[in-house]
């Protein structure tokens, strides 16, 4: 992985990937006790940053690989990103998804033309085994959700935008909080900022009981979660950081921040009330850290990436009913 791959991905993405804005709110600044700049990747195509990596990976495939098609495994956001990129390239896509993924994500992936294969995540079925078997049987190209160089390069384009937008807003140093699962977005943004804004430091943010990256950064080796389901932050739940992503994060990232599910729901309500932005729990976790974990953050300003907004109506309603009256 290197900055030139990210810049090349940004070039290929022109006219396809949205340049998402940088949002601010004095109400959120007051809660946080510092200036918050929010990068809303929930406004990206398919409702999350994952389209960046999906487009990046599919756009590098050979004609023969495109003809055969692609396969990916995902709880929903990577699924939709790859499905849309495949549809736009006119190639078939097979997506392996956990049966307990939000129903909206499953339906959206099918609506984008992909064949969805469900598996029992809670029961211990191995998505890697399923994906590898289908890829071999059908000659499909596997696009991994985070531990794949071209996917990381695509996610890194978000970091290039952050560097430019932060400079325009007069923010040259501080923490950049990134919702973190396997580390594709976190490592991609880290590489981009190392080259373009070295005084901006990336901090991965994870939910309680699924803090494998935070523990891995502290120990200096890859740590694993004991389970891979059971959190409302389904979009950022992984077994462990990737073999490619972890060395990048270990070299470039500051300590991780661990946030409660209640803080995520609270942040969702704030994002809707103050920015008219719909976020899913995992997509709101960096904003939650900015709002409620200020004692762990450095600088007069903080940048938070809102990574996705693909939330089922009952979950969004829960956030608004629980915390909307307090705002």
C-alpha atoms as a PDB file:
ATOM      1  CA  UNK A   1       0.000   0.000   0.000  1.00  0.00           C
ATOM      2  CA  UNK A   2       1.205   3.496  -0.838  1.00  0.00           C
ATOM      3  CA  UNK A   3      -0.105   6.976  -1.515  1.00  0.00           C
ATOM      4  CA  UNK A   4       0.264   6.589  -5.275  1.00  0.00           C
ATOM      5  CA  UNK A   5      -2.318   3.775  -5.248  1.00  0.00           C
ATOM      6  CA  UNK A   6      -4.724   6.068  -3.412  1.00  0.00           C
ATOM      7  CA  UNK A   7      -4.129   8.933  -5.839  1.00  0.00           C
ATOM      8  CA  UNK A   8      -4.626   6.580  -8.787  1.00  0.00           C
ATOM      9  CA  UNK A   9      -7.877   5.348  -7.243  1.00  0.00           C
ATOM     10  CA  UNK A  10      -9.040   8.955  -6.830  1.00  0.00           C
ATOM     11  CA  UNK A  11      -8.334   9.566 -10.512  1.00  0.00           C
ATOM     12  CA  UNK A  12     -10.374   6.515 -11.566  1.00  0.00           C
ATOM     13  CA  UNK A  13     -13.176   7.593  -9.235  1.00  0.00           C
ATOM     14  CA  UNK A  14     -13.690  10.989 -10.876  1.00  0.00           C
ATOM     15  CA  UNK A  15     -17.256  11.288 -12.090  1.00  0.00           C
ATOM     16  CA  UNK A  16     -18.319   8.199 -10.126  1.00  0.00           C
ATOM     17  CA  UNK A  17     -17.561   8.587  -6.404  1.00  0.00           C
ATOM     18  CA  UNK A  18     -19.167  11.524  -4.613  1.00  0.00           C
ATOM     19  CA  UNK A  19     -16.978  14.106  -2.908  1.00  0.00           C
ATOM     20  CA  UNK A  20     -18.847  14.279   0.393  1.00  0.00           C
ATOM     21  CA  UNK A  21     -18.916  17.616   2.250  1.00  0.00           C
ATOM     22  CA  UNK A  22     -17.561  18.591   5.669  1.00  0.00           C
ATOM     23  CA  UNK A  23     -20.401  19.565   8.015  1.00  0.00           C
ATOM     24  CA  UNK A  24     -20.363  21.690  11.166  1.00  0.00           C
ATOM     25  CA  UNK A  25     -22.855  22.644  13.876  1.00  0.00           C
ATOM     26  CA  UNK A  26     -22.395  25.095  16.767  1.00  0.00           C
ATOM     27  CA  UNK A  27     -24.752  22.930  18.828  1.00  0.00           C
ATOM     28  CA  UNK A  28     -22.470  19.903  18.457  1.00  0.00           C
ATOM     29  CA  UNK A  29     -19.399  22.066  19.141  1.00  0.00           C
ATOM     30  CA  UNK A  30     -20.942  23.153  22.446  1.00  0.00           C
ATOM     31  CA  UNK A  31     -21.537  19.568  23.565  1.00  0.00           C
ATOM     32  CA  UNK A  32     -18.033  18.476  22.581  1.00  0.00           C
ATOM     33  CA  UNK A  33     -16.274  21.526  24.005  1.00  0.00           C
ATOM     34  CA  UNK A  34     -14.360  21.926  20.766  1.00  0.00           C
ATOM     35  CA  UNK A  35     -15.009  22.387  17.067  1.00  0.00           C
ATOM     36  CA  UNK A  36     -16.343  19.278  15.301  1.00  0.00           C
ATOM     37  CA  UNK A  37     -15.941  18.745  11.559  1.00  0.00           C
ATOM     38  CA  UNK A  38     -18.110  15.850  10.368  1.00  0.00           C
ATOM     39  CA  UNK A  39     -17.363  13.998   7.121  1.00  0.00           C
ATOM     40  CA  UNK A  40     -20.738  12.400   6.181  1.00  0.00           C
ATOM     41  CA  UNK A  41     -19.946   9.311   4.138  1.00  0.00           C
ATOM     42  CA  UNK A  42     -23.575   8.361   4.738  1.00  0.00           C
ATOM     43  CA  UNK A  43     -24.193  10.662   1.752  1.00  0.00           C
ATOM     44  CA  UNK A  44     -21.964   8.534  -0.480  1.00  0.00           C
ATOM     45  CA  UNK A  45     -23.540   6.274  -3.124  1.00  0.00           C
ATOM     46  CA  UNK A  46     -25.176   3.232  -1.425  1.00  0.00           C
ATOM     47  CA  UNK A  47     -25.168   5.134   1.876  1.00  0.00           C
ATOM     48  CA  UNK A  48     -21.615   4.435   3.016  1.00  0.00           C
ATOM     49  CA  UNK A  49     -17.917   4.879   2.245  1.00  0.00           C
ATOM     50  CA  UNK A  50     -17.796   1.290   1.019  1.00  0.00           C
ATOM     51  CA  UNK A  51     -18.683   2.339  -2.513  1.00  0.00           C
ATOM     52  CA  UNK A  52     -15.247   3.985  -2.726  1.00  0.00           C
ATOM     53  CA  UNK A  53     -13.475   0.667  -2.190  1.00  0.00           C
ATOM     54  CA  UNK A  54     -15.952  -1.283  -4.303  1.00  0.00           C
ATOM     55  CA  UNK A  55     -15.478   1.022  -7.296  1.00  0.00           C
ATOM     56  CA  UNK A  56     -11.714   1.083  -6.817  1.00  0.00           C
ATOM     57  CA  UNK A  57     -11.398  -2.707  -6.825  1.00  0.00           C
ATOM     58  CA  UNK A  58     -13.816  -3.434  -9.672  1.00  0.00           C
ATOM     59  CA  UNK A  59     -12.335  -0.695 -11.873  1.00  0.00           C
ATOM     60  CA  UNK A  60      -8.917  -2.416 -11.876  1.00  0.00           C
ATOM     61  CA  UNK A  61     -10.115  -5.854 -13.031  1.00  0.00           C
ATOM     62  CA  UNK A  62      -9.138  -7.309 -16.401  1.00  0.00           C
ATOM     63  CA  UNK A  63     -11.709  -7.861 -19.132  1.00  0.00           C
ATOM     64  CA  UNK A  64     -11.689 -11.609 -18.465  1.00  0.00           C
ATOM     65  CA  UNK A  65     -12.222 -11.094 -14.729  1.00  0.00           C
ATOM     66  CA  UNK A  66     -15.053  -8.656 -15.369  1.00  0.00           C
ATOM     67  CA  UNK A  67     -16.746 -11.110 -17.704  1.00  0.00           C
ATOM     68  CA  UNK A  68     -16.674 -13.857 -15.068  1.00  0.00           C
ATOM     69  CA  UNK A  69     -17.956 -11.593 -12.276  1.00  0.00           C
ATOM     70  CA  UNK A  70     -17.110 -10.761  -8.694  1.00  0.00           C
ATOM     71  CA  UNK A  71     -17.919 -12.051  -5.222  1.00  0.00           C
ATOM     72  CA  UNK A  72     -17.781 -10.327  -1.844  1.00  0.00           C
ATOM     73  CA  UNK A  73     -18.814 -11.048   1.728  1.00  0.00           C
ATOM     74  CA  UNK A  74     -20.297  -8.366   3.926  1.00  0.00           C
ATOM     75  CA  UNK A  75     -22.916  -7.542   6.550  1.00  0.00           C
ATOM     76  CA  UNK A  76     -24.307  -4.991   4.141  1.00  0.00           C
ATOM     77  CA  UNK A  77     -22.336  -1.859   3.320  1.00  0.00           C
ATOM     78  CA  UNK A  78     -19.462  -3.496   1.418  1.00  0.00           C
ATOM     79  CA  UNK A  79     -22.115  -5.703  -0.194  1.00  0.00           C
ATOM     80  CA  UNK A  80     -23.961  -2.715  -1.596  1.00  0.00           C
ATOM     81  CA  UNK A  81     -20.774  -0.909  -2.618  1.00  0.00           C
ATOM     82  CA  UNK A  82     -19.498  -3.873  -4.633  1.00  0.00           C
ATOM     83  CA  UNK A  83     -22.957  -4.636  -6.031  1.00  0.00           C
ATOM     84  CA  UNK A  84     -23.366  -1.098  -7.391  1.00  0.00           C
ATOM     85  CA  UNK A  85     -19.826  -0.981  -8.784  1.00  0.00           C
ATOM     86  CA  UNK A  86     -20.396  -4.334 -10.494  1.00  0.00           C
ATOM     87  CA  UNK A  87     -23.733  -3.191 -11.928  1.00  0.00           C
ATOM     88  CA  UNK A  88     -22.126  -0.018 -13.275  1.00  0.00           C
ATOM     89  CA  UNK A  89     -19.429  -2.124 -14.952  1.00  0.00           C
ATOM     90  CA  UNK A  90     -22.056  -4.526 -16.344  1.00  0.00           C
ATOM     91  CA  UNK A  91     -20.727  -7.592 -14.522  1.00  0.00           C
ATOM     92  CA  UNK A  92     -22.450 -10.193 -12.296  1.00  0.00           C
ATOM     93  CA  UNK A  93     -21.964 -10.069  -8.532  1.00  0.00           C
ATOM     94  CA  UNK A  94     -22.483 -12.647  -5.796  1.00  0.00           C
ATOM     95  CA  UNK A  95     -22.631 -11.333  -2.225  1.00  0.00           C
ATOM     96  CA  UNK A  96     -22.316 -13.582   0.848  1.00  0.00           C
ATOM     97  CA  UNK A  97     -24.212 -11.955   3.737  1.00  0.00           C
ATOM     98  CA  UNK A  98     -25.032 -13.002   7.325  1.00  0.00           C
ATOM     99  CA  UNK A  99     -28.694 -13.912   7.764  1.00  0.00           C
ATOM    100  CA  UNK A 100     -28.880 -11.558  10.777  1.00  0.00           C
ATOM    101  CA  UNK A 101     -27.780  -8.500   8.765  1.00  0.00           C
ATOM    102  CA  UNK A 102     -30.304  -5.627   8.709  1.00  0.00           C
ATOM    103  CA  UNK A 103     -33.084  -6.568   6.296  1.00  0.00           C
ATOM    104  CA  UNK A 104     -32.785  -3.241   4.473  1.00  0.00           C
ATOM    105  CA  UNK A 105     -29.160  -3.998   3.586  1.00  0.00           C
ATOM    106  CA  UNK A 106     -30.060  -7.438   2.252  1.00  0.00           C
ATOM    107  CA  UNK A 107     -32.938  -6.052   0.177  1.00  0.00           C
ATOM    108  CA  UNK A 108     -30.863  -3.160  -1.167  1.00  0.00           C
ATOM    109  CA  UNK A 109     -28.085  -5.514  -2.243  1.00  0.00           C
ATOM    110  CA  UNK A 110     -30.564  -7.653  -4.184  1.00  0.00           C
ATOM    111  CA  UNK A 111     -32.118  -4.514  -5.694  1.00  0.00           C
ATOM    112  CA  UNK A 112     -28.692  -3.596  -7.083  1.00  0.00           C
ATOM    113  CA  UNK A 113     -28.730  -6.798  -9.119  1.00  0.00           C
ATOM    114  CA  UNK A 114     -26.534  -9.002  -6.944  1.00  0.00           C
ATOM    115  CA  UNK A 115     -27.174 -12.636  -6.072  1.00  0.00           C
ATOM    116  CA  UNK A 116     -27.302 -12.788  -2.253  1.00  0.00           C
ATOM    117  CA  UNK A 117     -26.129 -15.947  -0.465  1.00  0.00           C
ATOM    118  CA  UNK A 118     -27.042 -15.932   3.251  1.00  0.00           C
ATOM    119  CA  UNK A 119     -25.079 -17.725   5.971  1.00  0.00           C
ATOM    120  CA  UNK A 120     -25.527 -18.313   9.707  1.00  0.00           C
ATOM    121  CA  UNK A 121     -22.949 -16.009  11.324  1.00  0.00           C
ATOM    122  CA  UNK A 122     -24.177 -16.606  14.888  1.00  0.00           C
ATOM    123  CA  UNK A 123     -24.209 -20.377  14.287  1.00  0.00           C
ATOM    124  CA  UNK A 124     -20.566 -20.414  13.285  1.00  0.00           C
ATOM    125  CA  UNK A 125     -20.702 -20.746   9.504  1.00  0.00           C
ATOM    126  CA  UNK A 126     -17.505 -19.427   7.915  1.00  0.00           C
ATOM    127  CA  UNK A 127     -18.069 -16.727   5.288  1.00  0.00           C
ATOM    128  CA  UNK A 128     -14.494 -17.123   4.068  1.00  0.00           C
ATOM    129  CA  UNK A 129     -15.081 -20.803   3.304  1.00  0.00           C
ATOM    130  CA  UNK A 130     -18.337 -20.046   1.492  1.00  0.00           C
ATOM    131  CA  UNK A 131     -16.820 -17.161  -0.469  1.00  0.00           C
ATOM    132  CA  UNK A 132     -13.697 -19.080  -1.466  1.00  0.00           C
ATOM    133  CA  UNK A 133     -15.729 -22.107  -2.547  1.00  0.00           C
ATOM    134  CA  UNK A 134     -18.107 -20.074  -4.718  1.00  0.00           C
ATOM    135  CA  UNK A 135     -15.226 -18.086  -6.198  1.00  0.00           C
ATOM    136  CA  UNK A 136     -13.451 -21.291  -7.226  1.00  0.00           C
ATOM    137  CA  UNK A 137     -16.585 -22.992  -8.557  1.00  0.00           C
ATOM    138  CA  UNK A 138     -17.661 -20.038 -10.704  1.00  0.00           C
ATOM    139  CA  UNK A 139     -14.355 -18.364 -11.493  1.00  0.00           C
ATOM    140  CA  UNK A 140     -15.345 -15.204  -9.613  1.00  0.00           C
ATOM    141  CA  UNK A 141     -12.909 -12.575  -8.351  1.00  0.00           C
ATOM    142  CA  UNK A 142     -13.129 -12.206  -4.578  1.00  0.00           C
ATOM    143  CA  UNK A 143     -13.183  -8.594  -3.354  1.00  0.00           C
ATOM    144  CA  UNK A 144     -12.445  -8.657   0.355  1.00  0.00           C
ATOM    145  CA  UNK A 145     -14.136  -6.057   2.579  1.00  0.00           C
ATOM    146  CA  UNK A 146     -10.983  -4.515   4.031  1.00  0.00           C
ATOM    147  CA  UNK A 147      -7.820  -6.588   3.648  1.00  0.00           C
ATOM    148  CA  UNK A 148      -7.472  -5.871  -0.079  1.00  0.00           C
ATOM    149  CA  UNK A 149      -5.045  -3.248  -1.453  1.00  0.00           C
ATOM    150  CA  UNK A 150      -7.377  -1.723  -4.041  1.00  0.00           C
ATOM    151  CA  UNK A 151     -10.213  -1.549  -1.525  1.00  0.00           C
ATOM    152  CA  UNK A 152      -7.935   0.249   0.937  1.00  0.00           C
ATOM    153  CA  UNK A 153      -6.837   2.584  -1.862  1.00  0.00           C
ATOM    154  CA  UNK A 154     -10.456   3.450  -2.570  1.00  0.00           C
ATOM    155  CA  UNK A 155     -11.190   4.147   1.089  1.00  0.00           C
ATOM    156  CA  UNK A 156      -8.062   6.296   1.192  1.00  0.00           C
ATOM    157  CA  UNK A 157      -9.653   8.724  -1.256  1.00  0.00           C
ATOM    158  CA  UNK A 158     -11.804   9.849   1.672  1.00  0.00           C
ATOM    159  CA  UNK A 159      -8.567  10.842   3.423  1.00  0.00           C
ATOM    160  CA  UNK A 160      -7.462  12.947   0.456  1.00  0.00           C
ATOM    161  CA  UNK A 161     -10.729  14.858   0.687  1.00  0.00           C
ATOM    162  CA  UNK A 162     -10.387  15.286   4.453  1.00  0.00           C
ATOM    163  CA  UNK A 163      -6.926  16.799   4.032  1.00  0.00           C
ATOM    164  CA  UNK A 164      -8.187  19.334   1.483  1.00  0.00           C
ATOM    165  CA  UNK A 165     -11.366  20.222   3.351  1.00  0.00           C
ATOM    166  CA  UNK A 166      -9.679  20.551   6.731  1.00  0.00           C
ATOM    167  CA  UNK A 167      -7.138  22.943   5.217  1.00  0.00           C
ATOM    168  CA  UNK A 168      -9.944  25.005   3.697  1.00  0.00           C
ATOM    169  CA  UNK A 169     -11.562  25.250   7.151  1.00  0.00           C
ATOM    170  CA  UNK A 170      -8.313  26.191   8.849  1.00  0.00           C
ATOM    171  CA  UNK A 171      -7.726  22.901  10.681  1.00  0.00           C
ATOM    172  CA  UNK A 172      -4.137  21.727  10.291  1.00  0.00           C
ATOM    173  CA  UNK A 173      -3.717  19.489  13.327  1.00  0.00           C
ATOM    174  CA  UNK A 174      -5.817  17.340  15.620  1.00  0.00           C
ATOM    175  CA  UNK A 175      -7.459  13.946  15.829  1.00  0.00           C
ATOM    176  CA  UNK A 176      -9.425  12.329  13.007  1.00  0.00           C
ATOM    177  CA  UNK A 177     -11.909   9.835  14.448  1.00  0.00           C
ATOM    178  CA  UNK A 178     -12.754   6.931  12.137  1.00  0.00           C
ATOM    179  CA  UNK A 179     -15.408   4.233  12.594  1.00  0.00           C
ATOM    180  CA  UNK A 180     -13.327   1.052  12.522  1.00  0.00           C
ATOM    181  CA  UNK A 181     -14.065  -2.585  11.753  1.00  0.00           C
ATOM    182  CA  UNK A 182     -11.309  -4.454   9.930  1.00  0.00           C
ATOM    183  CA  UNK A 183      -9.393  -1.250   9.291  1.00  0.00           C
ATOM    184  CA  UNK A 184      -9.778  -0.606   5.560  1.00  0.00           C
ATOM    185  CA  UNK A 185     -11.109   2.936   5.973  1.00  0.00           C
ATOM    186  CA  UNK A 186      -8.865   3.659   8.943  1.00  0.00           C
ATOM    187  CA  UNK A 187      -5.673   2.532   7.232  1.00  0.00           C
ATOM    188  CA  UNK A 188      -6.577   4.185   3.923  1.00  0.00           C
ATOM    189  CA  UNK A 189      -7.272   7.536   5.563  1.00  0.00           C
ATOM    190  CA  UNK A 190      -4.090   7.185   7.637  1.00  0.00           C
ATOM    191  CA  UNK A 191      -1.957   6.733   4.525  1.00  0.00           C
ATOM    192  CA  UNK A 192      -3.603   9.671   2.776  1.00  0.00           C
ATOM    193  CA  UNK A 193      -3.140  11.994   5.751  1.00  0.00           C
ATOM    194  CA  UNK A 194       0.457  10.892   6.251  1.00  0.00           C
ATOM    195  CA  UNK A 195       1.185  12.303   2.802  1.00  0.00           C
ATOM    196  CA  UNK A 196      -1.184  15.273   2.664  1.00  0.00           C
ATOM    197  CA  UNK A 197      -1.793  16.385   6.283  1.00  0.00           C
ATOM    198  CA  UNK A 198       0.750  14.761   8.605  1.00  0.00           C
ATOM    199  CA  UNK A 199      -0.382  16.728  11.676  1.00  0.00           C
ATOM    200  CA  UNK A 200      -3.827  15.137  11.513  1.00  0.00           C
ATOM    201  CA  UNK A 201      -3.740  11.884  13.509  1.00  0.00           C
ATOM    202  CA  UNK A 202      -6.208   9.070  12.896  1.00  0.00           C
ATOM    203  CA  UNK A 203      -7.909   7.437  15.890  1.00  0.00           C
ATOM    204  CA  UNK A 204      -9.948   4.253  15.318  1.00  0.00           C
ATOM    205  CA  UNK A 205     -13.288   4.109  17.152  1.00  0.00           C
ATOM    206  CA  UNK A 206     -15.014   0.843  18.062  1.00  0.00           C
ATOM    207  CA  UNK A 207     -18.009  -0.417  20.095  1.00  0.00           C
ATOM    208  CA  UNK A 208     -17.661  -1.939  23.538  1.00  0.00           C
ATOM    209  CA  UNK A 209     -16.936  -5.689  23.544  1.00  0.00           C
ATOM    210  CA  UNK A 210     -15.775  -5.509  19.902  1.00  0.00           C
ATOM    211  CA  UNK A 211     -12.585  -3.498  20.392  1.00  0.00           C
ATOM    212  CA  UNK A 212     -10.093  -5.763  18.631  1.00  0.00           C
ATOM    213  CA  UNK A 213      -8.270  -2.895  16.893  1.00  0.00           C
ATOM    214  CA  UNK A 214      -7.940  -0.853  20.088  1.00  0.00           C
ATOM    215  CA  UNK A 215      -6.512  -3.860  21.921  1.00  0.00           C
ATOM    216  CA  UNK A 216      -4.265  -4.739  18.991  1.00  0.00           C
ATOM    217  CA  UNK A 217      -2.783  -1.234  18.883  1.00  0.00           C
ATOM    218  CA  UNK A 218      -2.143  -1.401  22.631  1.00  0.00           C
ATOM    219  CA  UNK A 219      -0.473  -4.829  22.528  1.00  0.00           C
ATOM    220  CA  UNK A 220       1.372  -4.403  19.236  1.00  0.00           C
ATOM    221  CA  UNK A 221      -0.057  -7.634  17.795  1.00  0.00           C
ATOM    222  CA  UNK A 222      -3.331  -8.694  16.199  1.00  0.00           C
ATOM    223  CA  UNK A 223      -5.991  -9.427  18.813  1.00  0.00           C
ATOM    224  CA  UNK A 224      -9.345 -11.093  18.121  1.00  0.00           C
ATOM    225  CA  UNK A 225     -12.875 -10.630  19.397  1.00  0.00           C
ATOM    226  CA  UNK A 226     -14.474 -13.602  21.114  1.00  0.00           C
ATOM    227  CA  UNK A 227     -17.611 -13.195  18.975  1.00  0.00           C
ATOM    228  CA  UNK A 228     -18.625 -11.565  15.700  1.00  0.00           C
ATOM    229  CA  UNK A 229     -22.283 -10.724  16.320  1.00  0.00           C
ATOM    230  CA  UNK A 230     -24.508  -9.251  18.991  1.00  0.00           C
ATOM    231  CA  UNK A 231     -23.903  -5.526  18.523  1.00  0.00           C
ATOM    232  CA  UNK A 232     -26.145  -2.862  17.014  1.00  0.00           C
ATOM    233  CA  UNK A 233     -22.964  -1.607  15.288  1.00  0.00           C
ATOM    234  CA  UNK A 234     -23.141  -4.484  12.801  1.00  0.00           C
ATOM    235  CA  UNK A 235     -21.358  -2.542  10.049  1.00  0.00           C
ATOM    236  CA  UNK A 236     -18.060  -2.431  11.946  1.00  0.00           C
ATOM    237  CA  UNK A 237     -17.968  -5.843  13.659  1.00  0.00           C
ATOM    238  CA  UNK A 238     -15.086  -8.071  12.578  1.00  0.00           C
ATOM    239  CA  UNK A 239     -13.108 -10.892  14.152  1.00  0.00           C
ATOM    240  CA  UNK A 240      -9.811  -8.981  14.068  1.00  0.00           C
ATOM    241  CA  UNK A 241      -7.925  -6.326  12.089  1.00  0.00           C
ATOM    242  CA  UNK A 242      -6.475  -7.380   8.752  1.00  0.00           C
ATOM    243  CA  UNK A 243      -2.999  -8.621   7.960  1.00  0.00           C
ATOM    244  CA  UNK A 244      -2.570  -5.663   5.583  1.00  0.00           C
ATOM    245  CA  UNK A 245      -4.470  -3.035   7.565  1.00  0.00           C
ATOM    246  CA  UNK A 246      -3.002  -3.644  11.026  1.00  0.00           C
ATOM    247  CA  UNK A 247       0.653  -2.782  10.244  1.00  0.00           C
ATOM    248  CA  UNK A 248      -0.502   0.477   8.670  1.00  0.00           C
ATOM    249  CA  UNK A 249      -2.666   1.353  11.667  1.00  0.00           C
ATOM    250  CA  UNK A 250       0.034   0.331  14.126  1.00  0.00           C
ATOM    251  CA  UNK A 251       2.508   2.661  12.409  1.00  0.00           C
ATOM    252  CA  UNK A 252       0.246   5.649  11.872  1.00  0.00           C
ATOM    253  CA  UNK A 253      -2.725   5.639  14.266  1.00  0.00           C
ATOM    254  CA  UNK A 254      -3.136   6.982  17.770  1.00  0.00           C
ATOM    255  CA  UNK A 255      -4.831   4.915  20.490  1.00  0.00           C
ATOM    256  CA  UNK A 256      -8.301   3.570  19.812  1.00  0.00           C
ATOM    257  CA  UNK A 257     -11.432   4.858  21.507  1.00  0.00           C
ATOM    258  CA  UNK A 258     -14.158   2.475  22.710  1.00  0.00           C
ATOM    259  CA  UNK A 259     -17.754   3.710  22.775  1.00  0.00           C
ATOM    260  CA  UNK A 260     -20.985   2.317  24.234  1.00  0.00           C
ATOM    261  CA  UNK A 261     -24.025   1.440  22.141  1.00  0.00           C
ATOM    262  CA  UNK A 262     -26.026   4.028  24.084  1.00  0.00           C
ATOM    263  CA  UNK A 263     -23.570   6.743  23.044  1.00  0.00           C
ATOM    264  CA  UNK A 264     -24.020   5.650  19.411  1.00  0.00           C
ATOM    265  CA  UNK A 265     -27.815   5.946  19.652  1.00  0.00           C
ATOM    266  CA  UNK A 266     -27.432   9.345  21.305  1.00  0.00           C
ATOM    267  CA  UNK A 267     -25.107  10.513  18.507  1.00  0.00           C
ATOM    268  CA  UNK A 268     -27.618   9.319  15.884  1.00  0.00           C
ATOM    269  CA  UNK A 269     -30.276  11.544  17.465  1.00  0.00           C
ATOM    270  CA  UNK A 270     -27.904  14.523  17.544  1.00  0.00           C
ATOM    271  CA  UNK A 271     -26.886  14.027  13.892  1.00  0.00           C
ATOM    272  CA  UNK A 272     -30.522  14.002  12.827  1.00  0.00           C
ATOM    273  CA  UNK A 273     -31.568  16.971  14.974  1.00  0.00           C
ATOM    274  CA  UNK A 274     -28.627  19.248  14.225  1.00  0.00           C
ATOM    275  CA  UNK A 275     -27.465  18.181  10.751  1.00  0.00           C
ATOM    276  CA  UNK A 276     -30.572  16.454   9.336  1.00  0.00           C
ATOM    277  CA  UNK A 277     -28.342  13.443   8.791  1.00  0.00           C
ATOM    278  CA  UNK A 278     -29.443   9.792   9.084  1.00  0.00           C
ATOM    279  CA  UNK A 279     -26.730   7.527  10.496  1.00  0.00           C
ATOM    280  CA  UNK A 280     -26.620   3.860  11.444  1.00  0.00           C
ATOM    281  CA  UNK A 281     -25.150   2.979  14.872  1.00  0.00           C
ATOM    282  CA  UNK A 282     -21.746   1.921  13.526  1.00  0.00           C
ATOM    283  CA  UNK A 283     -21.696   4.953  11.260  1.00  0.00           C
ATOM    284  CA  UNK A 284     -22.344   7.280  14.202  1.00  0.00           C
ATOM    285  CA  UNK A 285     -19.687   5.886  16.516  1.00  0.00           C
ATOM    286  CA  UNK A 286     -16.942   8.381  15.587  1.00  0.00           C
ATOM    287  CA  UNK A 287     -19.344  11.276  16.205  1.00  0.00           C
ATOM    288  CA  UNK A 288     -20.266   9.638  19.523  1.00  0.00           C
ATOM    289  CA  UNK A 289     -16.583   9.610  20.497  1.00  0.00           C
ATOM    290  CA  UNK A 290     -16.257  13.293  19.541  1.00  0.00           C
ATOM    291  CA  UNK A 291     -19.315  14.243  21.595  1.00  0.00           C
ATOM    292  CA  UNK A 292     -18.929  12.057  24.674  1.00  0.00           C
ATOM    293  CA  UNK A 293     -15.234  11.103  24.949  1.00  0.00           C
ATOM    294  CA  UNK A 294     -13.658  14.538  24.772  1.00  0.00           C
ATOM    295  CA  UNK A 295     -11.198  13.754  27.550  1.00  0.00           C
ATOM    296  CA  UNK A 296      -9.550  11.196  25.228  1.00  0.00           C
ATOM    297  CA  UNK A 297      -9.181  13.611  22.293  1.00  0.00           C
ATOM    298  CA  UNK A 298      -6.443  16.129  21.547  1.00  0.00           C
ATOM    299  CA  UNK A 299      -6.715  19.516  19.850  1.00  0.00           C
ATOM    300  CA  UNK A 300      -9.066  22.470  19.589  1.00  0.00           C
ATOM    301  CA  UNK A 301     -10.890  20.801  16.699  1.00  0.00           C
ATOM    302  CA  UNK A 302     -11.738  17.196  15.922  1.00  0.00           C
ATOM    303  CA  UNK A 303     -12.715  15.559  12.632  1.00  0.00           C
ATOM    304  CA  UNK A 304     -15.175  12.660  12.747  1.00  0.00           C
ATOM    305  CA  UNK A 305     -16.071  10.387   9.825  1.00  0.00           C
ATOM    306  CA  UNK A 306     -19.741   9.351   9.734  1.00  0.00           C
ATOM    307  CA  UNK A 307     -19.166   6.165   7.783  1.00  0.00           C
ATOM    308  CA  UNK A 308     -22.686   4.985   6.924  1.00  0.00           C
ATOM    309  CA  UNK A 309     -26.414   5.606   7.131  1.00  0.00           C
ATOM    310  CA  UNK A 310     -28.012   2.273   6.231  1.00  0.00           C
ATOM    311  CA  UNK A 311     -30.211   1.877   9.285  1.00  0.00           C
ATOM    312  CA  UNK A 312     -33.492  -0.011   9.587  1.00  0.00           C
ATOM    313  CA  UNK A 313     -36.465   2.140  10.591  1.00  0.00           C
ATOM    314  CA  UNK A 314     -37.010   0.448  14.015  1.00  0.00           C
ATOM    315  CA  UNK A 315     -33.394   1.078  15.051  1.00  0.00           C
ATOM    316  CA  UNK A 316     -33.543   4.701  13.939  1.00  0.00           C
ATOM    317  CA  UNK A 317     -36.848   5.134  15.726  1.00  0.00           C
ATOM    318  CA  UNK A 318     -35.300   3.715  18.887  1.00  0.00           C
ATOM    319  CA  UNK A 319     -32.552   6.339  18.805  1.00  0.00           C
ATOM    320  CA  UNK A 320     -34.991   9.203  18.278  1.00  0.00           C
ATOM    321  CA  UNK A 321     -37.478   8.000  20.902  1.00  0.00           C
ATOM    322  CA  UNK A 322     -34.769   7.484  23.498  1.00  0.00           C
ATOM    323  CA  UNK A 323     -32.768  10.675  23.026  1.00  0.00           C
ATOM    324  CA  UNK A 324     -34.758  13.000  20.765  1.00  0.00           C
ATOM    325  CA  UNK A 325     -36.569  14.668  23.671  1.00  0.00           C
ATOM    326  CA  UNK A 326     -33.245  15.623  25.280  1.00  0.00           C
ATOM    327  CA  UNK A 327     -32.007  17.606  22.275  1.00  0.00           C
END
